[in-house]
Amino acid sequence: MPCDHCGSVSQIFWRDIRWPEGKMQEAAWHCPLCGGAHPEYRKPALLAQGHWQATASGDGKTAGFHLSSLYSPWVTWTEIAEEHRDAKDDPVRLKVWVNTKLAETWEERDGESMDETALMTRREKYGPAIPAEVAVLTCGVDVQDDRLEMELVGWGRDEESWSCDYKIIWGDPSAPELWRELEQYLTATFEHETLSDGLHIHAACLDTGGHHTQAAYAFCRGKERQRIWAIKGMAGKRPIWPKRPTKAAKGKVNLFGVGVDAAKEAVFARLKKREHGAGYCHFPLDRDAAYFEQLTAERLRTRYVKGFAQQFWWKPDGRRNEALDCRVYAYAALHGLFSMGLNLNKRADALPPIPEDRERVSDARQAVIAATVPSPRRRRAIASRYI
């Protein structure tokens, strides 16, 4: 694009879109060489004078083109800036913005893992009542050979989350007693800090993989109207929630293929956030070291298939990951609700105001919490209770 001021030709990059303090509606492109400003109304004329410039040599047969939304005649720089403002504090939404508005890839660092000890220091004093900020509850259920494990997750504005409960139901998945207890839990009403009628679970995802697929199908059959969904984790580049389910022939139940890689990527991105707000994950004081070890058990790695890099989630031998699976399924349930039209922020805005006298964790109390985080040797001892 040619500069109106110095005549030089430059690409439009996000770093050169600027506006006066507090006046985002005056967002303009600034020439990277002379700093000259180009208001939004100049964009059509600049586009008319612009030209494509090759950045690599080709084979003379094919050509590729790259263009971001910053050039779009139908989207203003102000609108793009406003979307960035709304997404910048949440890594998951920011990734979508980078992909769709800047047409750039989002690079994940290979091998990066979470520090479970650091997550333990972030535990807070809340519960047993559901926190006042929570507008929607979802549950993720993992089926093991001798138990069901599940996490109840509360969701507030901009997908800020609270781990509200982590429950293990011991028993034989092939026996009906275990499933009756699960149904009682999923249909229960939970006390809420500000809602007098409490809050029920809006959606739940039950993993049907493993050795008890038919029992899981039988439990979910007929419960889709209650938003208790039979799911199967699917690796690879898939959306978190599918456009439509498939029919499990033997179980005669709708089966939803969940993109677990995308969900894990989102979960880990949120776990890295250190300040309350969009996407932040809250944990109560009763979460022990075993929970955090399982939640952070996996890491992203890269392998090469026919010369092409493929990223995948890897779990070290001997480590358990049930807590991560439960969180992924609870997050998938939220996306299932989104597919049905849920507006989470609208729900959150309709909640009663937070009581002014509600007890919060002081800095001194947080210091005590940090001091009680067990050593690595102690963490292994606690983890054995889940085996």
Protein backbone atom coordinates (compact mmCIF):
# COMPACT_ATOMS: atom_id res chain seq x y z
CA MET A 1 0.00 0.00 0.00
CA PRO A 2 1.39 3.48 -0.83
CA CYS A 3 1.79 6.03 1.95
CA ASP A 4 -0.08 9.31 1.40
CA HIS A 5 2.76 11.23 3.05
CA CYS A 6 6.11 9.79 1.89
CA GLY A 7 5.03 7.64 -1.06
CA SER A 8 6.77 4.53 0.24
CA VAL A 9 5.03 1.16 -0.21
CA SER A 10 4.42 -1.01 2.85
CA GLN A 11 2.29 -3.87 4.10
CA ILE A 12 -0.38 -3.20 6.70
CA PHE A 13 0.54 -4.87 9.98
CA TRP A 14 -1.37 -4.84 13.28
CA ARG A 15 1.54 -3.12 15.01
CA ASP A 16 0.95 -0.07 12.79
CA ILE A 17 -2.76 0.29 13.65
CA ARG A 18 -2.89 2.92 16.38
CA TRP A 19 -5.36 5.37 17.93
CA PRO A 20 -5.35 8.21 20.47
CA GLU A 21 -5.74 7.16 24.10
CA GLY A 22 -9.37 6.30 24.81
CA LYS A 23 -10.45 6.92 21.19
CA MET A 24 -10.49 3.51 19.53
CA GLN A 25 -13.04 4.78 17.01
CA GLU A 26 -10.18 6.82 15.49
CA ALA A 27 -8.03 3.77 14.75
CA ALA A 28 -5.81 4.45 11.73
CA TRP A 29 -2.93 2.90 9.83
CA HIS A 30 0.42 4.61 10.40
CA CYS A 31 3.17 4.32 7.82
CA PRO A 32 6.04 2.30 9.39
CA LEU A 33 8.62 4.53 7.67
CA CYS A 34 7.41 8.09 8.20
CA GLY A 35 4.65 7.59 10.78
CA GLY A 36 2.02 9.34 8.67
CA ALA A 37 -1.56 8.52 9.67
CA HIS A 38 -4.18 7.13 7.28
CA PRO A 39 -7.75 7.27 8.65
CA GLU A 40 -10.30 4.57 7.85
CA TYR A 41 -11.92 6.59 5.07
CA ARG A 42 -8.63 6.47 3.10
CA LYS A 43 -8.66 2.66 2.94
CA PRO A 44 -10.62 2.35 -0.39
CA ALA A 45 -8.21 4.70 -2.15
CA LEU A 46 -5.18 2.91 -0.72
CA LEU A 47 -6.59 -0.45 -1.84
CA ALA A 48 -7.11 0.91 -5.35
CA GLN A 49 -3.42 1.91 -5.50
CA GLY A 50 -2.10 -1.25 -3.84
CA HIS A 51 -0.42 -4.14 -5.61
CA TRP A 52 0.54 -7.75 -4.93
CA GLN A 53 4.22 -8.40 -4.34
CA ALA A 54 5.80 -11.83 -4.43
CA THR A 55 7.84 -12.80 -1.38
CA ALA A 56 9.11 -16.13 -2.69
CA SER A 57 10.07 -17.65 -6.03
CA GLY A 58 7.52 -20.00 -7.56
CA ASP A 59 7.41 -22.80 -10.09
CA GLY A 60 5.56 -20.72 -12.67
CA LYS A 61 2.46 -22.88 -12.34
CA THR A 62 0.99 -22.04 -8.97
CA ALA A 63 0.56 -18.91 -6.89
CA GLY A 64 -0.43 -18.35 -3.27
CA PHE A 65 -1.86 -15.22 -1.70
CA HIS A 66 -1.94 -13.97 1.88
CA LEU A 67 -4.22 -11.16 3.04
CA SER A 68 -5.38 -10.21 6.52
CA SER A 69 -8.66 -8.59 7.56
CA LEU A 70 -6.78 -5.31 8.01
CA TYR A 71 -7.20 -4.87 4.24
CA SER A 72 -10.91 -5.71 4.22
CA PRO A 73 -13.28 -3.05 2.81
CA TRP A 74 -16.07 -4.55 4.94
CA VAL A 75 -14.36 -4.62 8.35
CA THR A 76 -13.06 -1.42 9.90
CA TRP A 77 -9.84 -1.07 11.87
CA THR A 78 -11.95 0.06 14.81
CA GLU A 79 -13.99 -3.16 14.73
CA ILE A 80 -10.82 -5.24 14.58
CA ALA A 81 -9.33 -3.26 17.48
CA GLU A 82 -12.49 -3.75 19.54
CA GLU A 83 -12.39 -7.50 18.92
CA HIS A 84 -8.76 -7.53 20.04
CA ARG A 85 -9.66 -5.63 23.20
CA ASP A 86 -12.31 -8.22 24.05
CA ALA A 87 -10.05 -11.20 23.31
CA LYS A 88 -6.58 -10.11 24.46
CA ASP A 89 -6.92 -11.39 28.05
CA ASP A 90 -8.09 -14.87 27.04
CA PRO A 91 -5.48 -16.93 25.14
CA VAL A 92 -8.11 -19.13 23.52
CA ARG A 93 -10.10 -16.22 22.09
CA LEU A 94 -6.88 -14.37 21.21
CA LYS A 95 -5.74 -17.35 19.13
CA VAL A 96 -8.99 -17.21 17.14
CA TRP A 97 -8.50 -13.47 16.62
CA VAL A 98 -4.92 -13.97 15.38
CA ASN A 99 -6.03 -16.77 13.02
CA THR A 100 -9.12 -15.06 11.60
CA LYS A 101 -8.26 -11.36 11.67
CA LEU A 102 -4.51 -11.32 11.06
CA ALA A 103 -4.45 -14.56 9.00
CA GLU A 104 -1.44 -15.66 11.02
CA THR A 105 -0.68 -18.98 12.66
CA TRP A 106 -0.60 -19.39 16.43
CA GLU A 107 2.60 -21.08 17.52
CA GLU A 108 2.47 -23.48 20.47
CA ARG A 109 5.78 -24.15 22.18
CA ASP A 110 6.68 -27.82 21.87
CA GLY A 111 7.12 -29.80 25.08
CA GLU A 112 5.83 -27.08 27.36
CA SER A 113 4.18 -28.42 30.50
CA MET A 114 2.33 -26.89 33.41
CA ASP A 115 3.72 -26.64 36.93
CA GLU A 116 1.25 -28.36 39.26
CA THR A 117 2.91 -26.82 42.32
CA ALA A 118 2.30 -23.30 41.01
CA LEU A 119 -1.34 -24.16 40.37
CA MET A 120 -1.72 -25.36 43.98
CA THR A 121 -0.64 -21.97 45.29
CA ARG A 122 -3.59 -20.42 43.46
CA ARG A 123 -6.20 -22.33 45.47
CA GLU A 124 -8.89 -20.11 46.95
CA LYS A 125 -11.42 -20.25 49.74
CA TYR A 126 -14.86 -20.80 48.22
CA GLY A 127 -17.60 -23.38 48.46
CA PRO A 128 -19.41 -25.55 49.20
CA ALA A 129 -21.97 -23.17 47.68
CA ILE A 130 -21.45 -22.42 43.98
CA PRO A 131 -19.68 -19.01 43.66
CA ALA A 132 -21.89 -16.03 42.83
CA GLU A 133 -20.15 -15.44 39.48
CA VAL A 134 -21.11 -18.87 38.13
CA ALA A 135 -24.00 -18.86 35.66
CA VAL A 136 -23.69 -22.33 34.10
CA LEU A 137 -22.60 -25.73 35.44
CA THR A 138 -21.21 -28.54 33.30
CA CYS A 139 -19.85 -31.94 34.26
CA GLY A 140 -17.28 -34.21 32.65
CA VAL A 141 -17.40 -37.93 33.51
CA ASP A 142 -14.57 -40.40 32.92
CA VAL A 143 -15.32 -44.14 33.09
CA GLN A 144 -12.68 -46.41 34.64
CA ASP A 145 -12.77 -50.16 35.33
CA ASP A 146 -13.62 -49.76 39.02
CA ARG A 147 -15.03 -46.23 39.31
CA LEU A 148 -16.41 -43.11 37.71
CA GLU A 149 -14.49 -39.85 38.11
CA MET A 150 -16.15 -36.50 37.42
CA GLU A 151 -15.54 -32.80 37.75
CA LEU A 152 -18.25 -30.19 38.19
CA VAL A 153 -17.14 -26.92 36.56
CA GLY A 154 -18.86 -23.57 36.94
CA TRP A 155 -18.64 -21.01 34.12
CA GLY A 156 -18.97 -17.25 34.33
CA ARG A 157 -18.42 -14.25 32.08
CA ASP A 158 -15.88 -14.79 29.29
CA GLU A 159 -15.48 -18.46 30.28
CA GLU A 160 -13.88 -17.75 33.63
CA SER A 161 -14.22 -21.08 35.43
CA TRP A 162 -14.49 -22.47 38.96
CA SER A 163 -13.83 -26.09 39.86
CA CYS A 164 -16.87 -26.66 42.06
CA ASP A 165 -16.56 -30.37 42.85
CA TYR A 166 -14.44 -33.41 42.03
CA LYS A 167 -16.14 -36.69 42.81
CA ILE A 168 -15.22 -40.36 42.54
CA ILE A 169 -17.95 -43.02 42.59
CA TRP A 170 -16.39 -46.38 43.33
CA GLY A 171 -17.99 -49.52 41.99
CA ASP A 172 -18.40 -51.86 39.05
CA PRO A 173 -19.50 -50.05 35.86
CA SER A 174 -21.24 -53.21 34.73
CA ALA A 175 -23.57 -53.04 37.77
CA PRO A 176 -26.62 -50.72 37.93
CA GLU A 177 -25.88 -49.23 41.37
CA LEU A 178 -22.98 -47.16 40.07
CA TRP A 179 -25.10 -45.60 37.32
CA ARG A 180 -27.99 -44.85 39.68
CA GLU A 181 -25.64 -42.85 41.89
CA LEU A 182 -24.32 -40.99 38.84
CA GLU A 183 -27.85 -40.09 37.74
CA GLN A 184 -28.67 -38.77 41.21
CA TYR A 185 -25.60 -36.55 41.04
CA LEU A 186 -26.25 -35.23 37.54
CA THR A 187 -29.88 -34.36 38.35
CA ALA A 188 -29.16 -32.75 41.74
CA THR A 189 -29.60 -29.08 42.57
CA PHE A 190 -26.52 -27.32 43.99
CA GLU A 191 -26.57 -24.47 46.48
CA HIS A 192 -25.61 -21.12 44.93
CA GLU A 193 -24.35 -18.03 46.74
CA THR A 194 -26.96 -15.71 45.26
CA LEU A 195 -29.60 -17.86 43.52
CA SER A 196 -32.19 -18.94 46.09
CA ASP A 197 -33.31 -21.89 43.95
CA GLY A 198 -29.77 -23.11 43.47
CA LEU A 199 -28.24 -24.24 40.21
CA HIS A 200 -28.53 -27.52 38.34
CA ILE A 201 -26.09 -29.12 35.90
CA HIS A 202 -26.88 -27.71 32.47
CA ALA A 203 -24.96 -30.35 30.49
CA ALA A 204 -22.74 -33.36 31.06
CA CYS A 205 -20.41 -35.36 28.81
CA LEU A 206 -19.81 -39.04 29.52
CA ASP A 207 -16.84 -40.75 27.89
CA THR A 208 -17.91 -44.01 26.25
CA GLY A 209 -14.42 -45.27 25.45
CA GLY A 210 -12.69 -47.98 27.42
CA HIS A 211 -13.98 -51.36 28.55
CA HIS A 212 -17.55 -50.39 29.48
CA THR A 213 -18.85 -48.82 26.28
CA GLN A 214 -22.19 -50.63 26.25
CA ALA A 215 -22.92 -49.71 29.88
CA ALA A 216 -22.13 -46.06 29.09
CA TYR A 217 -24.40 -46.18 26.04
CA ALA A 218 -27.20 -47.68 28.13
CA PHE A 219 -26.90 -44.90 30.68
CA CYS A 220 -26.99 -42.11 28.08
CA ARG A 221 -29.81 -43.61 26.03
CA GLY A 222 -32.89 -41.39 26.31
CA LYS A 223 -31.07 -38.66 28.25
CA GLU A 224 -30.12 -36.38 25.37
CA ARG A 225 -33.04 -34.06 26.19
CA GLN A 226 -31.48 -33.72 29.65
CA ARG A 227 -28.24 -32.77 27.88
CA ILE A 228 -26.42 -35.83 29.16
CA TRP A 229 -24.33 -36.67 26.13
CA ALA A 230 -22.41 -39.80 25.14
CA ILE A 231 -19.05 -38.71 23.76
CA LYS A 232 -15.93 -40.21 22.26
CA GLY A 233 -12.60 -38.40 22.28
CA MET A 234 -11.20 -37.86 18.79
CA ALA A 235 -7.56 -36.84 18.25
CA GLY A 236 -6.33 -34.62 15.44
CA LYS A 237 -7.49 -31.31 14.04
CA ARG A 238 -11.16 -31.38 14.92
CA PRO A 239 -13.50 -28.81 16.45
CA ILE A 240 -14.17 -29.26 20.15
CA TRP A 241 -17.86 -29.98 19.47
CA PRO A 242 -19.07 -31.65 16.25
CA LYS A 243 -21.69 -30.18 13.94
CA ARG A 244 -23.76 -33.34 14.36
CA PRO A 245 -23.49 -36.64 16.22
CA THR A 246 -23.09 -40.09 14.75
CA LYS A 247 -25.30 -43.02 15.64
CA ALA A 248 -23.68 -45.74 17.74
CA ALA A 249 -25.11 -48.82 16.03
CA LYS A 250 -24.89 -51.19 18.97
CA GLY A 251 -26.01 -48.69 21.58
CA LYS A 252 -28.64 -46.94 19.48
CA VAL A 253 -27.56 -43.65 21.01
CA ASN A 254 -26.26 -40.40 19.51
CA LEU A 255 -22.50 -40.28 19.90
CA PHE A 256 -20.67 -36.93 19.86
CA GLY A 257 -17.07 -36.95 18.66
CA VAL A 258 -15.17 -34.43 20.82
CA GLY A 259 -11.97 -32.84 19.50
CA VAL A 260 -9.87 -33.55 22.57
CA ASP A 261 -6.66 -32.06 21.15
CA ALA A 262 -8.30 -28.66 20.64
CA ALA A 263 -9.96 -28.89 24.05
CA LYS A 264 -6.67 -29.73 25.81
CA GLU A 265 -4.97 -26.84 24.04
CA ALA A 266 -7.69 -24.51 25.34
CA VAL A 267 -7.53 -25.91 28.87
CA PHE A 268 -3.75 -25.54 29.09
CA ALA A 269 -3.89 -22.01 27.71
CA ARG A 270 -6.38 -21.05 30.44
CA LEU A 271 -4.33 -22.73 33.18
CA LYS A 272 -1.41 -20.44 32.30
CA LYS A 273 -3.41 -17.31 33.07
CA ARG A 274 -2.32 -15.70 36.33
CA GLU A 275 -4.88 -12.92 36.77
CA HIS A 276 -8.58 -13.22 37.43
CA GLY A 277 -10.84 -12.45 34.50
CA ALA A 278 -11.55 -13.91 31.08
CA GLY A 279 -10.60 -17.58 30.92
CA TYR A 280 -9.02 -17.74 34.39
CA CYS A 281 -9.34 -21.09 36.25
CA HIS A 282 -10.22 -21.04 39.96
CA PHE A 283 -9.59 -23.97 42.31
CA PRO A 284 -10.86 -24.50 45.87
CA LEU A 285 -8.76 -25.29 48.93
CA ASP A 286 -9.82 -28.95 49.00
CA ARG A 287 -8.11 -29.81 45.69
CA ASP A 288 -5.11 -31.97 46.59
CA ALA A 289 -1.79 -32.54 44.87
CA ALA A 290 -3.02 -35.63 43.03
CA TYR A 291 -5.67 -33.57 41.24
CA PHE A 292 -3.14 -31.03 39.97
CA GLU A 293 -0.67 -33.75 38.95
CA GLN A 294 -3.37 -35.36 36.84
CA LEU A 295 -4.58 -32.05 35.44
CA THR A 296 -1.08 -31.23 34.16
CA ALA A 297 -0.02 -34.77 33.24
CA GLU A 298 0.24 -34.29 29.47
CA ARG A 299 2.36 -32.10 27.28
CA LEU A 300 2.45 -31.13 23.62
CA ARG A 301 5.06 -32.80 21.43
CA THR A 302 5.93 -32.88 17.73
CA ARG A 303 6.49 -35.87 15.48
CA TYR A 304 7.24 -35.96 11.76
CA VAL A 305 5.10 -38.00 9.40
CA LYS A 306 6.37 -38.19 5.80
CA GLY A 307 8.39 -35.07 6.46
CA PHE A 308 5.50 -33.04 7.89
CA ALA A 309 5.40 -31.92 11.52
CA GLN A 310 2.41 -33.10 13.56
CA GLN A 311 1.77 -32.05 17.13
CA PHE A 312 0.25 -34.49 19.60
CA TRP A 313 -0.44 -34.76 23.32
CA TRP A 314 1.89 -37.09 25.20
CA LYS A 315 1.54 -38.56 28.69
CA PRO A 316 4.63 -39.88 30.53
CA ASP A 317 4.43 -43.52 31.53
CA GLY A 318 2.95 -44.07 34.98
CA ARG A 319 1.18 -40.73 35.25
CA ARG A 320 -2.58 -40.57 35.60
CA ASN A 321 -4.63 -38.00 33.68
CA GLU A 322 -8.25 -38.55 34.81
CA ALA A 323 -8.57 -34.99 36.12
CA LEU A 324 -7.48 -33.59 32.74
CA ASP A 325 -9.95 -35.83 30.91
CA CYS A 326 -12.78 -34.73 33.20
CA ARG A 327 -11.96 -31.05 32.66
CA VAL A 328 -11.80 -31.58 28.88
CA TYR A 329 -15.21 -33.29 28.90
CA ALA A 330 -16.73 -30.54 31.07
CA TYR A 331 -15.36 -27.95 28.62
CA ALA A 332 -16.77 -29.93 25.70
CA ALA A 333 -20.18 -29.89 27.42
CA LEU A 334 -19.98 -26.09 27.51
CA HIS A 335 -19.34 -26.08 23.76
CA GLY A 336 -22.28 -28.40 23.31
CA LEU A 337 -24.41 -25.75 25.00
CA PHE A 338 -22.90 -23.09 22.73
CA SER A 339 -24.02 -25.14 19.74
CA MET A 340 -27.56 -24.96 21.13
CA GLY A 341 -27.44 -21.17 21.35
CA LEU A 342 -26.19 -20.52 24.90
CA ASN A 343 -25.03 -16.93 25.46
CA LEU A 344 -22.81 -17.33 28.51
CA ASN A 345 -22.13 -13.63 29.05
CA LYS A 346 -25.83 -12.81 28.89
CA ARG A 347 -26.50 -15.46 31.53
CA ALA A 348 -23.69 -14.13 33.70
CA ASP A 349 -24.98 -10.56 33.42
CA ALA A 350 -28.42 -11.70 34.62
CA LEU A 351 -27.05 -13.09 37.91
CA PRO A 352 -27.84 -11.24 41.17
CA PRO A 353 -25.09 -8.88 42.37
CA ILE A 354 -22.22 -10.32 44.39
CA PRO A 355 -22.64 -9.70 48.16
CA GLU A 356 -20.30 -6.95 49.29
CA ASP A 357 -19.49 -8.74 52.54
CA ARG A 358 -18.49 -12.02 50.89
CA GLU A 359 -15.30 -13.36 52.41
CA ARG A 360 -12.31 -13.36 50.11
CA VAL A 361 -8.92 -14.95 50.50
CA SER A 362 -6.48 -12.38 51.88
CA ASP A 363 -2.85 -12.10 50.79
CA ALA A 364 -1.84 -13.51 54.17
CA ARG A 365 -4.11 -16.51 53.67
CA GLN A 366 -2.70 -17.08 50.19
CA ALA A 367 0.78 -17.14 51.75
CA VAL A 368 -0.39 -19.85 54.14
CA ILE A 369 -1.81 -21.82 51.21
CA ALA A 370 1.49 -21.55 49.34
CA ALA A 371 3.38 -22.73 52.42
CA THR A 372 1.25 -25.86 52.67
CA VAL A 373 2.01 -27.10 49.15
CA PRO A 374 3.60 -30.52 49.71
CA SER A 375 7.04 -31.50 48.53
CA PRO A 376 7.42 -33.74 45.46
CA ARG A 377 7.84 -36.80 47.70
CA ARG A 378 4.62 -35.99 49.54
CA ARG A 379 2.78 -35.41 46.25
CA ARG A 380 3.59 -38.94 45.11
CA ALA A 381 2.24 -40.34 48.34
CA ILE A 382 -1.04 -38.47 47.91
CA ALA A 383 -1.30 -39.51 44.26
CA SER A 384 -1.31 -43.19 45.27
CA ARG A 385 -4.83 -42.78 46.62
CA TYR A 386 -6.09 -42.51 43.04
CA ILE A 387 -4.58 -45.83 41.98
